[in-house]
Amino acid sequence: MALLLAALAWWQRPAGLVTSSAAAGKPVPVRFENQATLPESAARILETRLWVVPPAYTRRPALAPTEASFRCIQGSRVRWTVRVSRLGKTPPVLELGRRQLRLRAVPGRPSEFVAEATLSASTLYRLRFAGQVSEEYAIEVQPDQAPTIRLITPKAYTLVEFGRPRRWQCAPNCRMITA
């Protein structure tokens, strides 16, 4: 019985649920407006990683975008992980549309910061850190497609007599029986 419950719990897990080490992915290129003019010792963002987790009901896998501008399904949870060269006076800030989200320090990793947001509409974002401002990047949020139902039986134009039980069948692999 315990094995059955464990299997059911595993099957019901969100598709994108992973640990932070598994969500590493490759860093995405983020350009800053005035980074070339800064002294070598200045605090700066060294790398940015993105992790996108679609809504659990879609059963789509989580993904790590390869570019700073990307597409995702409406309701996706996006995580920005930023690694800095050294700590500044304030943590990095994610400007997501009109919102400003202060990135949180990752426990046990003093040079890493993280922010998460659930997206419902397309937006622009950029990062701010130690007087540096990144270019703006676009997130295109696509509405999820509505489910479609295709009836296999009864066929079109089939006469269903009143008072008789009806049997309906949906495709694929699901059956719906109504009386």
Foldseek 3Di string as FASTA:
>chain_A
DVVVVVVVVVVQDQQADDDPVVQAPDFADWAWDCPVVDDPPAKDWDTKWKKKGADRVVSDHIDTDRHPAEEDEQFIKMKIKIFMPDDDPAAKWKCWAPDIHGWDADPPRRRMTMDMDTHHAKTWMWMDDRHIIIDIYIYHYDYDDDDDWDWPPDDPPDDDDPPDFDFTQTDDPDGDGGD
